[in-house]
PDB file of N, CA and C in Angstrom:
ATOM      1  N   MET A   1     -14.353  66.215 -28.417  1.00  0.00           N
ATOM      2  CA  MET A   1     -14.374  65.158 -27.444  1.00  0.00           C
ATOM      3  C   MET A   1     -13.264  65.429 -26.431  1.00  0.00           C
ATOM      4  N   LYS A   2     -13.594  65.421 -25.166  1.00  0.00           N
ATOM      5  CA  LYS A   2     -12.602  65.560 -24.105  1.00  0.00           C
ATOM      6  C   LYS A   2     -12.559  64.257 -23.334  1.00  0.00           C
ATOM      7  N   ILE A   3     -11.406  63.613 -23.355  1.00  0.00           N
ATOM      8  CA  ILE A   3     -11.260  62.334 -22.677  1.00  0.00           C
ATOM      9  C   ILE A   3     -10.696  62.518 -21.278  1.00  0.00           C
ATOM     10  N   TRP A   4      -9.735  63.452 -21.131  1.00  0.00           N
ATOM     11  CA  TRP A   4      -9.066  63.609 -19.857  1.00  0.00           C
ATOM     12  C   TRP A   4      -8.608  65.050 -19.694  1.00  0.00           C
ATOM     13  N   THR A   5      -8.710  65.573 -18.510  1.00  0.00           N
ATOM     14  CA  THR A   5      -8.241  66.915 -18.219  1.00  0.00           C
ATOM     15  C   THR A   5      -7.758  66.963 -16.777  1.00  0.00           C
ATOM     16  N   SER A   6      -6.819  67.865 -16.504  1.00  0.00           N
ATOM     17  CA  SER A   6      -6.354  68.043 -15.132  1.00  0.00           C
ATOM     18  C   SER A   6      -5.909  69.484 -14.937  1.00  0.00           C
ATOM     19  N   GLU A   7      -5.877  69.899 -13.691  1.00  0.00           N
ATOM     20  CA  GLU A   7      -5.451  71.250 -13.357  1.00  0.00           C
ATOM     21  C   GLU A   7      -4.682  71.210 -12.053  1.00  0.00           C
ATOM     22  N   HIS A   8      -3.572  71.944 -12.010  1.00  0.00           N
ATOM     23  CA  HIS A   8      -2.771  72.032 -10.799  1.00  0.00           C
ATOM     24  C   HIS A   8      -2.056  73.376 -10.797  1.00  0.00           C
ATOM     25  N   ILE A   9      -1.935  73.999  -9.633  1.00  0.00           N
ATOM     26  CA  ILE A   9      -1.219  75.263  -9.500  1.00  0.00           C
ATOM     27  C   ILE A   9       0.153  74.977  -8.901  1.00  0.00           C
ATOM     28  N   PHE A  10       1.207  75.305  -9.658  1.00  0.00           N
ATOM     29  CA  PHE A  10       2.575  75.094  -9.214  1.00  0.00           C
ATOM     30  C   PHE A  10       3.124  76.385  -8.616  1.00  0.00           C
ATOM     31  N   ASN A  11       3.792  76.293  -7.482  1.00  0.00           N
ATOM     32  CA  ASN A  11       4.396  77.455  -6.838  1.00  0.00           C
ATOM     33  C   ASN A  11       5.853  77.606  -7.273  1.00  0.00           C
ATOM     34  N   HIS A  12       6.050  77.735  -8.583  1.00  0.00           N
ATOM     35  CA  HIS A  12       7.368  77.896  -9.180  1.00  0.00           C
ATOM     36  C   HIS A  12       7.264  78.949 -10.278  1.00  0.00           C
ATOM     37  N   PRO A  13       8.395  79.491 -10.728  1.00  0.00           N
ATOM     38  CA  PRO A  13       8.358  80.483 -11.810  1.00  0.00           C
ATOM     39  C   PRO A  13       7.719  79.915 -13.084  1.00  0.00           C
ATOM     40  N   TRP A  14       7.048  80.769 -13.830  1.00  0.00           N
ATOM     41  CA  TRP A  14       6.363  80.407 -15.070  1.00  0.00           C
ATOM     42  C   TRP A  14       7.290  79.660 -16.022  1.00  0.00           C
ATOM     43  N   GLU A  15       8.499  80.159 -16.203  1.00  0.00           N
ATOM     44  CA  GLU A  15       9.437  79.557 -17.153  1.00  0.00           C
ATOM     45  C   GLU A  15       9.793  78.123 -16.762  1.00  0.00           C
ATOM     46  N   THR A  16       9.975  77.880 -15.472  1.00  0.00           N
ATOM     47  CA  THR A  16      10.317  76.535 -14.993  1.00  0.00           C
ATOM     48  C   THR A  16       9.173  75.562 -15.226  1.00  0.00           C
ATOM     49  N   VAL A  17       7.964  75.972 -14.899  1.00  0.00           N
ATOM     50  CA  VAL A  17       6.800  75.089 -15.033  1.00  0.00           C
ATOM     51  C   VAL A  17       6.518  74.767 -16.495  1.00  0.00           C
ATOM     52  N   THR A  18       6.521  75.773 -17.366  1.00  0.00           N
ATOM     53  CA  THR A  18       6.208  75.511 -18.769  1.00  0.00           C
ATOM     54  C   THR A  18       7.291  74.674 -19.441  1.00  0.00           C
ATOM     55  N   LYS A  19       8.541  74.924 -19.113  1.00  0.00           N
ATOM     56  CA  LYS A  19       9.626  74.131 -19.704  1.00  0.00           C
ATOM     57  C   LYS A  19       9.508  72.667 -19.272  1.00  0.00           C
ATOM     58  N   ALA A  20       9.240  72.422 -17.996  1.00  0.00           N
ATOM     59  CA  ALA A  20       9.094  71.055 -17.498  1.00  0.00           C
ATOM     60  C   ALA A  20       7.904  70.356 -18.142  1.00  0.00           C
ATOM     61  N   ALA A  21       6.792  71.055 -18.285  1.00  0.00           N
ATOM     62  CA  ALA A  21       5.590  70.445 -18.877  1.00  0.00           C
ATOM     63  C   ALA A  21       5.810  70.064 -20.330  1.00  0.00           C
ATOM     64  N   MET A  22       6.513  70.903 -21.075  1.00  0.00           N
ATOM     65  CA  MET A  22       6.723  70.635 -22.495  1.00  0.00           C
ATOM     66  C   MET A  22       7.781  69.554 -22.732  1.00  0.00           C
ATOM     67  N   GLN A  23       8.628  69.297 -21.744  1.00  0.00           N
ATOM     68  CA  GLN A  23       9.675  68.282 -21.892  1.00  0.00           C
ATOM     69  C   GLN A  23       9.326  66.961 -21.197  1.00  0.00           C
ATOM     70  N   LYS A  24       8.100  66.838 -20.711  1.00  0.00           N
ATOM     71  CA  LYS A  24       7.713  65.652 -19.952  1.00  0.00           C
ATOM     72  C   LYS A  24       7.765  64.376 -20.787  1.00  0.00           C
ATOM     73  N   TYR A  25       7.280  64.421 -21.992  1.00  0.00           N
ATOM     74  CA  TYR A  25       7.264  63.240 -22.866  1.00  0.00           C
ATOM     75  C   TYR A  25       7.937  63.581 -24.175  1.00  0.00           C
ATOM     76  N   PRO A  26       8.513  62.644 -24.855  1.00  0.00           N
ATOM     77  CA  PRO A  26       8.865  61.302 -24.385  1.00  0.00           C
ATOM     78  C   PRO A  26      10.038  61.367 -23.411  1.00  0.00           C
ATOM     79  N   ASN A  27      10.108  60.379 -22.538  1.00  0.00           N
ATOM     80  CA  ASN A  27      11.220  60.304 -21.591  1.00  0.00           C
ATOM     81  C   ASN A  27      11.545  58.844 -21.302  1.00  0.00           C
ATOM     82  N   PRO A  28      12.780  58.568 -20.889  1.00  0.00           N
ATOM     83  CA  PRO A  28      13.199  57.174 -20.677  1.00  0.00           C
ATOM     84  C   PRO A  28      12.509  56.483 -19.508  1.00  0.00           C
ATOM     85  N   MET A  29      11.889  57.237 -18.605  1.00  0.00           N
ATOM     86  CA  MET A  29      11.206  56.620 -17.476  1.00  0.00           C
ATOM     87  C   MET A  29       9.833  56.065 -17.861  1.00  0.00           C
ATOM     88  N   ASN A  30       9.307  56.484 -19.006  1.00  0.00           N
ATOM     89  CA  ASN A  30       8.020  55.985 -19.489  1.00  0.00           C
ATOM     90  C   ASN A  30       8.134  55.753 -20.993  1.00  0.00           C
ATOM     91  N   PRO A  31       8.738  54.633 -21.397  1.00  0.00           N
ATOM     92  CA  PRO A  31       8.954  54.379 -22.825  1.00  0.00           C
ATOM     93  C   PRO A  31       7.669  54.084 -23.600  1.00  0.00           C
ATOM     94  N   SER A  32       6.551  53.904 -22.919  1.00  0.00           N
ATOM     95  CA  SER A  32       5.292  53.639 -23.608  1.00  0.00           C
ATOM     96  C   SER A  32       4.817  54.852 -24.401  1.00  0.00           C
ATOM     97  N   VAL A  33       5.146  56.061 -23.938  1.00  0.00           N
ATOM     98  CA  VAL A  33       4.783  57.280 -24.658  1.00  0.00           C
ATOM     99  C   VAL A  33       5.951  57.621 -25.566  1.00  0.00           C
ATOM    100  N   PHE A  34       5.733  57.524 -26.880  1.00  0.00           N
ATOM    101  CA  PHE A  34       6.843  57.733 -27.806  1.00  0.00           C
ATOM    102  C   PHE A  34       6.697  58.977 -28.674  1.00  0.00           C
ATOM    103  N   GLY A  35       5.636  59.732 -28.502  1.00  0.00           N
ATOM    104  CA  GLY A  35       5.497  60.953 -29.276  1.00  0.00           C
ATOM    105  C   GLY A  35       4.417  61.864 -28.717  1.00  0.00           C
ATOM    106  N   VAL A  36       4.606  63.168 -28.931  1.00  0.00           N
ATOM    107  CA  VAL A  36       3.636  64.163 -28.487  1.00  0.00           C
ATOM    108  C   VAL A  36       3.464  65.188 -29.602  1.00  0.00           C
ATOM    109  N   ASP A  37       2.232  65.422 -29.994  1.00  0.00           N
ATOM    110  CA  ASP A  37       1.918  66.452 -30.983  1.00  0.00           C
ATOM    111  C   ASP A  37       1.096  67.534 -30.306  1.00  0.00           C
ATOM    112  N   VAL A  38       1.482  68.781 -30.493  1.00  0.00           N
ATOM    113  CA  VAL A  38       0.738  69.908 -29.936  1.00  0.00           C
ATOM    114  C   VAL A  38      -0.345  70.290 -30.938  1.00  0.00           C
ATOM    115  N   LEU A  39      -1.596  70.183 -30.519  1.00  0.00           N
ATOM    116  CA  LEU A  39      -2.714  70.516 -31.384  1.00  0.00           C
ATOM    117  C   LEU A  39      -3.082  71.990 -31.290  1.00  0.00           C
ATOM    118  N   ASP A  40      -2.968  72.544 -30.076  1.00  0.00           N
ATOM    119  CA  ASP A  40      -3.314  73.950 -29.859  1.00  0.00           C
ATOM    120  C   ASP A  40      -2.668  74.403 -28.561  1.00  0.00           C
ATOM    121  N   ARG A  41      -2.198  75.645 -28.528  1.00  0.00           N
ATOM    122  CA  ARG A  41      -1.602  76.188 -27.307  1.00  0.00           C
ATOM    123  C   ARG A  41      -1.913  77.675 -27.237  1.00  0.00           C
ATOM    124  N   SER A  42      -2.351  78.136 -26.066  1.00  0.00           N
ATOM    125  CA  SER A  42      -2.665  79.551 -25.909  1.00  0.00           C
ATOM    126  C   SER A  42      -2.515  79.955 -24.446  1.00  0.00           C
ATOM    127  N   VAL A  43      -2.368  81.254 -24.232  1.00  0.00           N
ATOM    128  CA  VAL A  43      -2.322  81.825 -22.890  1.00  0.00           C
ATOM    129  C   VAL A  43      -3.540  82.723 -22.756  1.00  0.00           C
ATOM    130  N   ASP A  44      -4.347  82.495 -21.709  1.00  0.00           N
ATOM    131  CA  ASP A  44      -5.560  83.292 -21.550  1.00  0.00           C
ATOM    132  C   ASP A  44      -5.253  84.626 -20.867  1.00  0.00           C
ATOM    133  N   SER A  45      -6.276  85.428 -20.666  1.00  0.00           N
ATOM    134  CA  SER A  45      -6.114  86.774 -20.106  1.00  0.00           C
ATOM    135  C   SER A  45      -5.623  86.757 -18.662  1.00  0.00           C
ATOM    136  N   ARG A  46      -5.760  85.633 -17.973  1.00  0.00           N
ATOM    137  CA  ARG A  46      -5.277  85.510 -16.592  1.00  0.00           C
ATOM    138  C   ARG A  46      -3.871  84.928 -16.530  1.00  0.00           C
ATOM    139  N   GLY A  47      -3.236  84.707 -17.690  1.00  0.00           N
ATOM    140  CA  GLY A  47      -1.873  84.199 -17.734  1.00  0.00           C
ATOM    141  C   GLY A  47      -1.754  82.698 -17.633  1.00  0.00           C
ATOM    142  N   ARG A  48      -2.860  81.984 -17.807  1.00  0.00           N
ATOM    143  CA  ARG A  48      -2.833  80.524 -17.726  1.00  0.00           C
ATOM    144  C   ARG A  48      -2.530  79.939 -19.095  1.00  0.00           C
ATOM    145  N   LEU A  49      -1.655  78.942 -19.108  1.00  0.00           N
ATOM    146  CA  LEU A  49      -1.298  78.251 -20.340  1.00  0.00           C
ATOM    147  C   LEU A  49      -2.281  77.116 -20.580  1.00  0.00           C
ATOM    148  N   HIS A  50      -2.860  77.077 -21.770  1.00  0.00           N
ATOM    149  CA  HIS A  50      -3.750  75.991 -22.178  1.00  0.00           C
ATOM    150  C   HIS A  50      -3.089  75.290 -23.346  1.00  0.00           C
ATOM    151  N   SER A  51      -2.910  73.991 -23.234  1.00  0.00           N
ATOM    152  CA  SER A  51      -2.237  73.226 -24.268  1.00  0.00           C
ATOM    153  C   SER A  51      -3.011  71.943 -24.521  1.00  0.00           C
ATOM    154  N   ASN A  52      -3.408  71.733 -25.763  1.00  0.00           N
ATOM    155  CA  ASN A  52      -4.061  70.492 -26.169  1.00  0.00           C
ATOM    156  C   ASN A  52      -3.028  69.675 -26.926  1.00  0.00           C
ATOM    157  N   ARG A  53      -2.700  68.515 -26.352  1.00  0.00           N
ATOM    158  CA  ARG A  53      -1.668  67.673 -26.948  1.00  0.00           C
ATOM    159  C   ARG A  53      -2.212  66.275 -27.197  1.00  0.00           C
ATOM    160  N   LEU A  54      -1.692  65.652 -28.222  1.00  0.00           N
ATOM    161  CA  LEU A  54      -2.042  64.279 -28.565  1.00  0.00           C
ATOM    162  C   LEU A  54      -0.823  63.418 -28.278  1.00  0.00           C
ATOM    163  N   LEU A  55      -0.957  62.482 -27.350  1.00  0.00           N
ATOM    164  CA  LEU A  55       0.150  61.603 -26.997  1.00  0.00           C
ATOM    165  C   LEU A  55       0.035  60.302 -27.775  1.00  0.00           C
ATOM    166  N   SER A  56       1.135  59.896 -28.391  1.00  0.00           N
ATOM    167  CA  SER A  56       1.204  58.604 -29.080  1.00  0.00           C
ATOM    168  C   SER A  56       1.820  57.612 -28.106  1.00  0.00           C
ATOM    169  N   ALA A  57       1.093  56.533 -27.830  1.00  0.00           N
ATOM    170  CA  ALA A  57       1.552  55.577 -26.828  1.00  0.00           C
ATOM    171  C   ALA A  57       1.256  54.152 -27.267  1.00  0.00           C
ATOM    172  N   GLU A  58       2.050  53.251 -26.737  1.00  0.00           N
ATOM    173  CA  GLU A  58       1.820  51.825 -26.956  1.00  0.00           C
ATOM    174  C   GLU A  58       1.960  51.140 -25.608  1.00  0.00           C
ATOM    175  N   TRP A  59       0.834  50.799 -25.009  1.00  0.00           N
ATOM    176  CA  TRP A  59       0.850  50.255 -23.658  1.00  0.00           C
ATOM    177  C   TRP A  59       0.941  48.736 -23.628  1.00  0.00           C
ATOM    178  N   GLY A  60       0.449  48.067 -24.657  1.00  0.00           N
ATOM    179  CA  GLY A  60       0.477  46.614 -24.646  1.00  0.00           C
ATOM    180  C   GLY A  60      -0.558  46.034 -23.700  1.00  0.00           C
ATOM    181  N   LEU A  61      -0.600  44.731 -23.643  1.00  0.00           N
ATOM    182  CA  LEU A  61      -1.540  44.027 -22.775  1.00  0.00           C
ATOM    183  C   LEU A  61      -0.823  43.492 -21.545  1.00  0.00           C
ATOM    184  N   PRO A  62      -1.498  43.456 -20.408  1.00  0.00           N
ATOM    185  CA  PRO A  62      -0.901  42.838 -19.225  1.00  0.00           C
ATOM    186  C   PRO A  62      -0.629  41.355 -19.474  1.00  0.00           C
ATOM    187  N   SER A  63       0.380  40.814 -18.811  1.00  0.00           N
ATOM    188  CA  SER A  63       0.779  39.418 -19.047  1.00  0.00           C
ATOM    189  C   SER A  63      -0.353  38.441 -18.758  1.00  0.00           C
ATOM    190  N   ILE A  64      -1.212  38.721 -17.802  1.00  0.00           N
ATOM    191  CA  ILE A  64      -2.313  37.802 -17.504  1.00  0.00           C
ATOM    192  C   ILE A  64      -3.307  37.741 -18.670  1.00  0.00           C
ATOM    193  N   VAL A  65      -3.535  38.865 -19.323  1.00  0.00           N
ATOM    194  CA  VAL A  65      -4.429  38.885 -20.482  1.00  0.00           C
ATOM    195  C   VAL A  65      -3.784  38.122 -21.639  1.00  0.00           C
ATOM    196  N   LYS A  66      -2.487  38.305 -21.830  1.00  0.00           N
ATOM    197  CA  LYS A  66      -1.770  37.600 -22.899  1.00  0.00           C
ATOM    198  C   LYS A  66      -1.848  36.090 -22.690  1.00  0.00           C
ATOM    199  N   SER A  67      -1.830  35.631 -21.437  1.00  0.00           N
ATOM    200  CA  SER A  67      -1.884  34.186 -21.168  1.00  0.00           C
ATOM    201  C   SER A  67      -3.236  33.592 -21.582  1.00  0.00           C
ATOM    202  N   PHE A  68      -4.316  34.360 -21.531  1.00  0.00           N
ATOM    203  CA  PHE A  68      -5.623  33.866 -21.953  1.00  0.00           C
ATOM    204  C   PHE A  68      -5.748  33.823 -23.470  1.00  0.00           C
ATOM    205  N   ILE A  69      -5.060  34.733 -24.144  1.00  0.00           N
ATOM    206  CA  ILE A  69      -5.158  34.831 -25.608  1.00  0.00           C
ATOM    207  C   ILE A  69      -4.292  33.766 -26.277  1.00  0.00           C
ATOM    208  N   ALA A  70      -3.111  33.520 -25.746  1.00  0.00           N
ATOM    209  CA  ALA A  70      -2.155  32.610 -26.382  1.00  0.00           C
ATOM    210  C   ALA A  70      -2.506  31.163 -26.204  1.00  0.00           C
TER     211      ALA A  70
END
């Protein structure tokens, strides 16, 4: 099952891009994402990094929805 995918070409060195991508979560700017598990990671013949990750998140309900429930 594929829920979401994205692709972007960064004009920066390989080491900089991969390090930034792997350190993106968890971070204090987005406390809703509290864990990341790497399910699979590989580099293809063209040098592209493919990484399947599972993000653990807790988003909660918007306050307007909470007002209808309570």
